Amino acid sequence: MSKIPLTLIGAELLRNELHKLKTVERPAVIDAIAEARAQGDLSENAEYEAAKERQAFIEGRIMELESKLGSAQIIDPKTLNADGRCVFGATVELEDVTTGDVMVYQIVGDDEADIKQRKISISSPIARALIGKSSGDVAEVQAPGGLREYEIVNVLYI
């Protein structure tokens, strides 16, 4: 089984979600199923069906999270020493060569990616173009609107 890269924060978020599913969501859905069963005929009981579907979702998500955490390679960006290169966990300051716009992104795992928080997935086109490059390099990214060029202004391990 291949390792799934996660930052310390991403691993903690997954652990928190797993804990909530096991301690809050699972007991609540078990109670909902018991309550729906108490209402009698299960063949036409919408609450029962909804609770069973929710239970299946919760159990599936628990298995998925346990699997991901079990095969996770947890990386602390603060301990990286990549000689200024873009690597997993690095925070990268970029300048759009065409527009001059400056943006900052952290390269994270697929489960942690959130563009609103400026976290991009390691499997995204822009992250794949950045990996291995250093400050001053230009990364070419094939975007839906065409080829974009970004100059790497700074690489931080924070």
Protein backbone atom coordinates (compact mmCIF):
# COMPACT_ATOMS: atom_id res chain seq x y z
CA MET A 1 0.00 0.00 0.00
CA SER A 2 1.35 3.42 -0.91
CA LYS A 3 1.85 6.13 1.66
CA ILE A 4 -0.56 9.07 1.73
CA PRO A 5 1.25 12.35 2.44
CA LEU A 6 -0.35 14.53 5.12
CA THR A 7 0.83 17.59 6.98
CA LEU A 8 0.63 17.58 10.78
CA ILE A 9 -2.45 19.81 10.61
CA GLY A 10 -4.12 17.61 7.98
CA ALA A 11 -3.55 14.48 10.05
CA GLU A 12 -4.99 16.20 13.11
CA LEU A 13 -8.09 17.25 11.15
CA LEU A 14 -8.64 13.66 10.01
CA ARG A 15 -8.16 12.36 13.57
CA ASN A 16 -10.68 14.90 14.86
CA GLU A 17 -13.22 13.91 12.21
CA LEU A 18 -12.71 10.22 13.02
CA HIS A 19 -13.17 10.89 16.74
CA LYS A 20 -16.38 12.84 16.11
CA LEU A 21 -17.77 10.11 13.86
CA LYS A 22 -17.05 7.42 16.46
CA THR A 23 -18.15 9.29 19.57
CA VAL A 24 -20.98 11.53 18.35
CA GLU A 25 -22.31 10.55 14.92
CA ARG A 26 -22.28 6.76 15.30
CA PRO A 27 -24.16 6.73 18.66
CA ALA A 28 -26.66 9.29 17.33
CA VAL A 29 -27.49 7.20 14.26
CA ILE A 30 -27.81 4.05 16.39
CA ASP A 31 -30.33 5.89 18.56
CA ALA A 32 -32.19 7.10 15.45
CA ILE A 33 -32.41 3.53 14.12
CA ALA A 34 -33.71 2.25 17.47
CA GLU A 35 -36.28 5.03 17.59
CA ALA A 36 -37.44 4.32 14.02
CA ARG A 37 -37.72 0.59 14.81
CA ALA A 38 -39.93 1.40 17.77
CA GLN A 39 -42.41 3.03 15.41
CA GLY A 40 -43.40 -0.33 14.02
CA ASP A 41 -43.60 -1.40 10.35
CA LEU A 42 -40.11 -0.97 8.85
CA SER A 43 -41.18 -1.59 5.24
CA GLU A 44 -42.67 1.91 4.87
CA ASN A 45 -40.64 3.73 7.51
CA ALA A 46 -38.74 6.62 5.86
CA GLU A 47 -36.97 7.56 9.09
CA TYR A 48 -35.60 4.04 9.41
CA GLU A 49 -34.35 4.01 5.80
CA ALA A 50 -32.74 7.43 6.21
CA ALA A 51 -31.05 6.38 9.45
CA LYS A 52 -29.73 3.15 7.86
CA GLU A 53 -28.33 5.15 4.92
CA ARG A 54 -26.69 7.58 7.32
CA GLN A 55 -25.24 4.67 9.28
CA ALA A 56 -23.77 3.17 6.10
CA PHE A 57 -22.21 6.52 5.20
CA ILE A 58 -20.72 6.97 8.69
CA GLU A 59 -19.29 3.45 8.80
CA GLY A 60 -17.81 3.88 5.31
CA ARG A 61 -16.23 7.20 6.25
CA ILE A 62 -14.79 5.71 9.46
CA MET A 63 -13.18 2.90 7.45
CA GLU A 64 -11.83 5.41 4.91
CA LEU A 65 -10.32 7.66 7.59
CA GLU A 66 -8.78 4.74 9.48
CA SER A 67 -7.23 3.49 6.24
CA LYS A 68 -5.84 6.92 5.34
CA LEU A 69 -4.42 7.51 8.80
CA GLY A 70 -2.99 4.00 8.87
CA SER A 71 -1.10 4.56 5.63
CA ALA A 72 -0.28 8.22 6.21
CA GLN A 73 3.18 9.66 5.92
CA ILE A 74 2.92 12.66 8.22
CA ILE A 75 5.21 15.52 7.29
CA ASP A 76 5.96 18.54 9.45
CA PRO A 77 6.79 21.43 7.06
CA LYS A 78 8.82 23.15 9.81
CA THR A 79 11.33 20.29 9.85
CA LEU A 80 11.85 20.17 6.09
CA ASN A 81 15.27 20.95 4.69
CA ALA A 82 14.80 20.98 0.94
CA ASP A 83 17.37 23.66 0.09
CA GLY A 84 14.71 26.15 -1.04
CA ARG A 85 12.95 23.73 -3.39
CA CYS A 86 9.18 23.33 -3.65
CA VAL A 87 8.22 20.11 -1.91
CA PHE A 88 5.18 18.68 -0.17
CA GLY A 89 4.26 20.90 2.78
CA ALA A 90 6.12 23.96 1.49
CA THR A 91 4.44 27.35 1.32
CA VAL A 92 5.18 28.97 -2.03
CA GLU A 93 4.88 32.63 -2.99
CA LEU A 94 4.18 32.97 -6.71
CA GLU A 95 3.92 35.84 -9.16
CA ASP A 96 1.80 35.47 -12.28
CA VAL A 97 4.23 36.43 -15.07
CA THR A 98 1.43 37.92 -17.20
CA THR A 99 -0.57 39.91 -14.65
CA GLY A 100 1.97 40.47 -11.89
CA ASP A 101 -0.50 39.13 -9.31
CA VAL A 102 1.19 37.62 -6.26
CA MET A 103 -0.33 34.63 -4.47
CA VAL A 104 0.74 32.30 -1.70
CA TYR A 105 -0.13 28.59 -1.56
CA GLN A 106 0.81 25.67 0.65
CA ILE A 107 1.19 22.31 -1.07
CA VAL A 108 -0.80 19.75 0.94
CA GLY A 109 -2.45 16.33 0.62
CA ASP A 110 -5.66 15.75 -1.30
CA ASP A 111 -7.78 15.63 1.88
CA GLU A 112 -6.39 18.92 3.16
CA ALA A 113 -6.75 20.96 -0.02
CA ASP A 114 -8.87 24.09 0.39
CA ILE A 115 -8.36 26.91 -2.08
CA LYS A 116 -10.07 29.40 0.27
CA GLN A 117 -7.33 28.70 2.83
CA ARG A 118 -4.68 28.84 0.08
CA LYS A 119 -3.93 25.12 0.35
CA ILE A 120 -3.51 23.28 -2.95
CA SER A 121 -3.43 19.54 -3.48
CA ILE A 122 -0.15 17.85 -4.31
CA SER A 123 -1.96 16.27 -7.26
CA SER A 124 -3.20 19.61 -8.69
CA PRO A 125 -1.66 20.83 -11.96
CA ILE A 126 -0.09 23.88 -10.31
CA ALA A 127 1.48 21.88 -7.47
CA ARG A 128 2.83 19.28 -9.90
CA ALA A 129 4.41 22.12 -11.93
CA LEU A 130 6.00 23.62 -8.80
CA ILE A 131 7.49 20.47 -7.26
CA GLY A 132 11.29 20.49 -7.43
CA LYS A 133 11.58 24.13 -8.49
CA SER A 134 13.28 26.90 -6.47
CA SER A 135 13.00 30.66 -6.03
CA GLY A 136 13.50 32.44 -9.34
CA ASP A 137 12.31 29.50 -11.42
CA VAL A 138 9.29 29.81 -13.69
CA ALA A 139 6.63 27.10 -13.59
CA GLU A 140 4.38 26.55 -16.59
CA VAL A 141 0.88 25.36 -15.73
CA GLN A 142 -1.65 24.12 -18.24
CA ALA A 143 -4.86 25.74 -16.98
CA PRO A 144 -8.35 25.53 -18.48
CA GLY A 145 -7.81 29.04 -19.89
CA GLY A 146 -4.49 28.09 -21.48
CA LEU A 147 -0.85 28.03 -20.48
CA ARG A 148 -0.02 30.14 -17.40
CA GLU A 149 3.45 31.01 -16.15
CA TYR A 150 4.28 31.63 -12.50
CA GLU A 151 7.61 32.82 -11.15
CA ILE A 152 8.49 31.40 -7.76
CA VAL A 153 9.25 34.37 -5.53
CA ASN A 154 9.88 32.53 -2.28
CA VAL A 155 9.65 29.05 -0.77
CA LEU A 156 8.96 28.77 2.96
CA TYR A 157 8.80 25.79 5.29
CA ILE A 158 6.35 26.99 7.94
